Amino acid sequence: MLSVFNNFLLWFDDFVWGVPLIVLILAVGIFLTIRLRVLQVRQLPRALKYMVKNEEGGHGEVTSFGALCTALSATIGTGNIVGVATALVAGGPGALFWMWIAAFFGMATKYAEGVLAIKYRKVEKDGHVLGGPFYYIERGMGENWRWLAKIFAFFGAGVGLLGIGTFTQVNGIASAVNGFFDPNNAWTVSLFGMDYSWTVVITGIILTICVGLVVIGGIKRIAHVSEIIVPFMAVAYITCCVIILIVNASAIPAAFVEIIQSAFGLRAVTGGAMGAIIVAMQKGIARGIFSNEAGLGSAPIAAAAAQTKSTVRQGLVSMTGTFIDTIVICTMTGLAIVITGSWNIGLQGVAVTTNAFVNGLPFAPQFSSFMLVACLIFFAFTTILGWNYYGERCLEYLSDGSQNAVKIYRWLYILAVFIGPFMTVEAVWTIADIFNALMALPNLIALTALSGVVVAETKAFFAQDDLSADMLNEEPVMIETGEEA
């Protein structure tokens, strides 16, 4: 009976995360790109400027940069290291090209999510903010659609607690630490009827304490920690990848040629070109969506807490999250893997990226391996923090603002982190994956239905911006008084 249930879950997971949902997410991104007249290209410089320049006098709980870092803390995770490697192994180097395509259209989606998050958020008198897809569904589409908002919030709370935010990330950290410090399981202890390495046990305890100290402090502490860790870990990881590119600079042109050829099946054997294109597209687009979460509805929950008076400004800041996550970090990972040839030597998962670091960096293999493990730990740790916030806000909406329910969820979340290293039930990961897909559907419906609001807000902002610029550029009018100076 259990095997039948597991088989059903695996089938349903493949179904909800199949081609239809991937096409739907991409189609919404294309639709918004057209309606916004390719805003992600035209306004990217302005968005990057707003990203590092916080707005003064806006309502909210954290700075715009803090909200962005909170969102990035959830999106920049093991997927940037392990997920990219998996996509390239399954779909070839061409998967990276289709990842770029997903990110390009995903930037328009993420922009729209940020605009709507600020437009329809709820700001209490004490400054507490609640916003995200559940509120722009209810307030933007109307009370009759509140059931759809509830569905989103239910699946969002489940995703955070059941896997994406806890079990999968904690397991990834514990496995990485164990693989580095005790790969042969020489030091073990018997727990729950099974033997575990002491490195796993110690990692679980330390991680639980660190997560507890942060999440108990709420969004302000999560944002503060994210503002420190996210830029640090991103710079550290990108630096390692840049070193690989510099050391292997002569191989970069050939890597780009290989990526483009693979993306369009030009390297496939006769008759297999179309099949190679489809596989590369499916794996690349899916991984791009999984990585930057554009369209899933998670990022606007954090964006709603930003201290800002402008919907469009926060939308532009939110848009940079997809740019940083996929266009920058995933690209760095992908190029390192393609240049070192690690994608086609029979390795899987994190071993692919580890091989790229070991063979690409001009350091001792042990040090290179340690650098990747350290980055993976930080990436996964911040993902745990970000998804805790998402889950809490979803539950707060479901419980009509009950802070007692939020506190219970918070402690359950910490408990899930503690038991995460010892979880081996495959069904838990599958259920979390299904929840993640199902939370995307209400959000995509809302983005499509409210696209006119996004366009109107955008036109109004830039019209006012152009008017202000014209006024500044006008020559001052001299008023004659008839008096000599």
Foldseek 3Di string as FASTA:
>chain_A
DVVVVVVVLVVLLCVLLDDVLLVLLLVLLVVLCVLQVLCCVVCLVVLVVLLPDWDPPFAFDATLVLLLLLLLLQQQALLLQFVLLQLCLFQNLLLLVLLVSLLSSLLSLLLLQLLLFQVFWDADPVRDIFGWLLRCQPVVVHVVRNVLSLLLLVLLLLLLQLDSQAQVLLQLLLVLQCCQPPVPLPAWDADPNDIDRVSSQVSLVVLLVVLLVQPVVPSVSLSVVSSPLVVVLLVLLLVLLVLLCVQLVVLQVVLVVRNVCQCQQVPPDPPCRVVSNVSSNSSSSSSSCSNLVRLLTQSSRSSSRHRDPASSSSSSNSSVSSCSRRVRSSVSQSSLLSSQVLSHPPDHGNVSSLSSQQVRHPDHSSVSSVSVSVSNSSSSSSSSSSSLNSSLSSVCVNVVNDVVSSVVSSVSSSVSNSCSNVDDDPSSNSSSSSSSSSSSVSSSVSCVVCSVVVSVSVVVVVVVVVVVVVVVPDDDDDDDDPDDD
